[in-house]
Amino acid sequence: MPEGNEKSDRFVNNFPSGPTPPIVSVVGYSGSGKTTFIVKLVPELTRRGIRVGTIKHDVHGFQMDKPGKDSWRHKQSGAVMTVISSPVQIGMVRDVDHDHGLDELLPLFTGMDLVVTEGYKRGDKPKLEIFRSDMQAEPLCTGDENLLALITDANVDAGVPCFTTSDARRVAEFLIQHFNLTATDNPQHEKANS
């Protein structure tokens, strides 16, 4: 294994250990509404006491910090990793030597009940596909054994449960049942809903 990978693995492996949560990937063609659906689904899950972590896969790279801000300036000065910390959040930007797979990222999500990803359409994790018939002739995951459900407003038989794009509540209940999730004590959840 190249030295860079050892450093990267050591970084991820230094996070607290514990049981890793199940993952479900929300996939679909570009512009199909993946983000829109995820931001409806996450509140439905958290309302039921499920602690959710999310991962957005971006194969093109990204700029998380705003140019000119102190943490951006730290990173631009040559830091390999920059962390910004406040009493309620921690944010991190770190250089890596490869596109991390979901199994490599899971240690970052210790303490979560479920990880919802946007992307990883070629991955081997359970998937929910957002399918819009006005954009494509057929679903992306036709025949994919990891497809759990199709989220669509079209009349499609994919051999899996189908939900509409306005069914985030029902999809949350489906995922809770599928992964046998139970609500956890979540002080942040209680504070947000009081």
Protein backbone atom coordinates (compact mmCIF):
# COMPACT_ATOMS: atom_id res chain seq x y z
CA MET A 1 0.00 0.00 0.00
CA PRO A 2 1.43 3.43 -0.90
CA GLU A 3 2.51 5.64 1.97
CA GLY A 4 -0.25 8.18 1.20
CA ASN A 5 -2.96 5.55 1.71
CA GLU A 6 -1.46 4.53 5.07
CA LYS A 7 -1.62 8.15 6.21
CA SER A 8 -5.21 8.47 5.01
CA ASP A 9 -6.26 5.19 6.67
CA ARG A 10 -4.56 6.24 9.89
CA PHE A 11 -6.51 9.50 9.78
CA VAL A 12 -9.90 7.79 9.46
CA ASN A 13 -8.99 5.02 11.91
CA ASN A 14 -8.18 7.58 14.62
CA PHE A 15 -11.85 8.50 14.98
CA PRO A 16 -13.85 6.95 17.84
CA SER A 17 -14.74 3.35 17.18
CA GLY A 18 -18.08 1.77 17.67
CA PRO A 19 -20.80 0.14 15.66
CA THR A 20 -21.05 1.53 12.16
CA PRO A 21 -24.48 2.63 10.97
CA PRO A 22 -26.24 1.32 7.87
CA ILE A 23 -25.94 3.36 4.69
CA VAL A 24 -28.51 4.16 2.04
CA SER A 25 -27.45 5.97 -1.13
CA VAL A 26 -29.87 8.31 -2.88
CA VAL A 27 -28.94 8.03 -6.54
CA GLY A 28 -30.23 9.23 -9.88
CA TYR A 29 -29.28 11.12 -12.98
CA SER A 30 -27.89 14.63 -12.62
CA GLY A 31 -30.71 17.10 -12.02
CA SER A 32 -33.22 14.44 -10.95
CA GLY A 33 -33.84 15.99 -7.53
CA LYS A 34 -31.60 13.96 -5.21
CA THR A 35 -30.72 16.89 -2.95
CA THR A 36 -34.31 18.12 -2.89
CA PHE A 37 -35.51 14.70 -1.74
CA ILE A 38 -32.74 14.26 0.86
CA VAL A 39 -33.56 17.59 2.51
CA LYS A 40 -37.18 16.39 2.84
CA LEU A 41 -36.20 12.90 4.04
CA VAL A 42 -33.70 13.86 6.76
CA PRO A 43 -36.22 15.90 8.82
CA GLU A 44 -38.71 13.02 8.61
CA LEU A 45 -36.09 10.66 10.03
CA THR A 46 -34.89 13.04 12.74
CA ARG A 47 -38.48 13.77 13.77
CA ARG A 48 -38.68 10.06 14.62
CA GLY A 49 -35.53 10.22 16.77
CA ILE A 50 -33.16 8.78 14.14
CA ARG A 51 -29.69 10.33 14.21
CA VAL A 52 -28.75 10.88 10.57
CA GLY A 53 -25.38 11.62 9.00
CA THR A 54 -25.08 12.57 5.35
CA ILE A 55 -22.38 12.30 2.71
CA LYS A 56 -22.44 14.18 -0.59
CA HIS A 57 -20.22 12.54 -3.21
CA ASP A 58 -18.70 15.02 -5.64
CA VAL A 59 -16.41 13.51 -8.25
CA HIS A 60 -15.37 16.97 -9.45
CA GLY A 61 -13.95 18.26 -6.15
CA PHE A 62 -15.42 21.10 -4.12
CA GLN A 63 -14.68 24.33 -2.27
CA MET A 64 -16.26 24.19 1.19
CA ASP A 65 -14.84 27.31 2.72
CA LYS A 66 -15.47 30.85 1.51
CA PRO A 67 -12.50 32.60 -0.09
CA GLY A 68 -11.07 35.24 2.22
CA LYS A 69 -12.32 33.63 5.47
CA ASP A 70 -9.66 32.72 8.04
CA SER A 71 -10.06 28.95 7.67
CA TRP A 72 -9.85 29.30 3.87
CA ARG A 73 -6.67 31.34 4.29
CA HIS A 74 -5.22 28.65 6.57
CA LYS A 75 -5.87 25.99 3.91
CA GLN A 76 -4.57 28.16 1.08
CA SER A 77 -1.36 28.79 3.01
CA GLY A 78 -0.49 25.11 2.61
CA ALA A 79 -2.10 23.34 5.58
CA VAL A 80 -2.95 19.72 4.71
CA MET A 81 -5.87 19.80 7.14
CA THR A 82 -7.86 22.69 8.57
CA VAL A 83 -10.47 22.36 11.31
CA ILE A 84 -12.83 25.10 12.36
CA SER A 85 -14.40 24.59 15.75
CA SER A 86 -17.22 26.33 17.59
CA PRO A 87 -19.34 25.41 20.61
CA VAL A 88 -21.94 23.79 18.32
CA GLN A 89 -20.09 22.58 15.19
CA ILE A 90 -16.81 21.31 13.84
CA GLY A 91 -15.90 21.60 10.17
CA MET A 92 -12.89 20.07 8.50
CA VAL A 93 -11.17 20.28 5.15
CA ARG A 94 -8.40 17.73 4.59
CA ASP A 95 -6.38 16.78 1.55
CA VAL A 96 -6.69 13.11 0.59
CA ASP A 97 -4.85 10.95 -1.88
CA HIS A 98 -7.86 9.06 -3.28
CA ASP A 99 -11.64 9.14 -3.57
CA HIS A 100 -12.71 7.48 -0.30
CA GLY A 101 -15.31 4.76 -0.55
CA LEU A 102 -18.23 4.59 1.83
CA ASP A 103 -16.67 1.87 3.97
CA GLU A 104 -13.61 4.08 4.49
CA LEU A 105 -15.81 7.02 5.57
CA LEU A 106 -18.06 5.08 7.96
CA PRO A 107 -15.76 5.48 11.02
CA LEU A 108 -16.49 9.22 10.80
CA PHE A 109 -20.16 8.47 11.55
CA THR A 110 -19.90 6.56 14.82
CA GLY A 111 -22.95 7.40 16.91
CA MET A 112 -25.29 7.84 13.96
CA ASP A 113 -28.26 5.55 13.35
CA LEU A 114 -28.24 5.93 9.56
CA VAL A 115 -26.01 7.51 6.93
CA VAL A 116 -27.76 8.90 3.85
CA THR A 117 -25.50 9.55 0.89
CA GLU A 118 -26.10 11.51 -2.27
CA GLY A 119 -24.34 9.75 -5.08
CA TYR A 120 -22.29 6.54 -5.16
CA LYS A 121 -24.58 5.18 -7.87
CA ARG A 122 -22.01 2.51 -8.76
CA GLY A 123 -21.53 1.50 -5.13
CA ASP A 124 -22.63 -1.75 -3.51
CA LYS A 125 -24.77 -0.18 -0.77
CA PRO A 126 -28.58 -0.12 -0.59
CA LYS A 127 -30.02 2.53 -2.90
CA LEU A 128 -33.05 4.71 -3.35
CA GLU A 129 -33.28 5.96 -6.92
CA ILE A 130 -34.87 9.26 -7.87
CA PHE A 131 -36.25 8.70 -11.36
CA ARG A 132 -37.82 11.32 -13.61
CA SER A 133 -39.28 9.93 -16.82
CA ASP A 134 -39.13 13.38 -18.43
CA MET A 135 -35.32 13.19 -18.18
CA GLN A 136 -34.50 9.54 -18.96
CA ALA A 137 -36.18 6.60 -20.67
CA GLU A 138 -35.58 4.13 -17.84
CA PRO A 139 -34.30 4.07 -14.26
CA LEU A 140 -30.55 4.11 -13.71
CA CYS A 141 -30.61 1.09 -11.37
CA THR A 142 -32.73 -1.29 -13.43
CA GLY A 143 -31.56 -4.78 -12.42
CA ASP A 144 -29.36 -3.49 -9.55
CA GLU A 145 -29.74 -5.93 -6.64
CA ASN A 146 -29.00 -3.08 -4.20
CA LEU A 147 -32.02 -1.02 -5.26
CA LEU A 148 -34.40 -0.78 -2.27
CA ALA A 149 -37.02 1.54 -3.73
CA LEU A 150 -37.78 3.89 -6.59
CA ILE A 151 -38.82 7.48 -5.92
CA THR A 152 -40.77 8.60 -8.98
CA ASP A 153 -43.91 10.26 -10.21
CA ALA A 154 -43.94 7.95 -13.26
CA ASN A 155 -45.79 4.66 -13.54
CA VAL A 156 -42.79 2.29 -13.48
CA ASP A 157 -42.50 -1.33 -12.36
CA ALA A 158 -38.94 -1.77 -11.10
CA GLY A 159 -39.68 -4.81 -8.93
CA VAL A 160 -39.19 -2.74 -5.76
CA PRO A 161 -41.48 -0.48 -3.73
CA CYS A 162 -42.23 2.85 -5.42
CA PHE A 163 -42.87 6.16 -3.69
CA THR A 164 -43.63 9.60 -5.08
CA THR A 165 -41.28 12.53 -4.62
CA SER A 166 -43.72 13.94 -2.03
CA ASP A 167 -43.59 10.70 0.04
CA ALA A 168 -40.59 11.52 2.27
CA ARG A 169 -42.63 10.55 5.35
CA ARG A 170 -43.43 7.10 3.93
CA VAL A 171 -39.84 6.60 2.74
CA ALA A 172 -38.58 7.43 6.25
CA GLU A 173 -40.92 4.81 7.71
CA PHE A 174 -39.81 2.31 5.04
CA LEU A 175 -36.12 2.87 5.91
CA ILE A 176 -36.75 2.60 9.65
CA GLN A 177 -38.47 -0.74 9.09
CA HIS A 178 -35.96 -2.00 6.49
CA PHE A 179 -32.92 -1.25 8.67
CA ASN A 180 -34.72 -2.10 11.92
CA LEU A 181 -33.86 1.32 13.37
CA THR A 182 -34.96 2.51 16.78
CA ALA A 183 -35.03 6.05 18.05
CA THR A 184 -32.06 7.08 20.19
CA ASP A 185 -31.82 9.68 22.90
CA ASN A 186 -30.70 12.77 21.05
CA PRO A 187 -30.40 15.96 23.14
CA GLN A 188 -29.84 18.07 20.00
CA HIS A 189 -33.04 16.62 18.51
CA GLU A 190 -34.98 17.44 21.67
CA LYS A 191 -33.57 20.99 21.79
CA ALA A 192 -34.37 21.61 18.11
CA ASN A 193 -37.97 20.50 18.51
CA SER A 194 -38.76 22.30 21.79
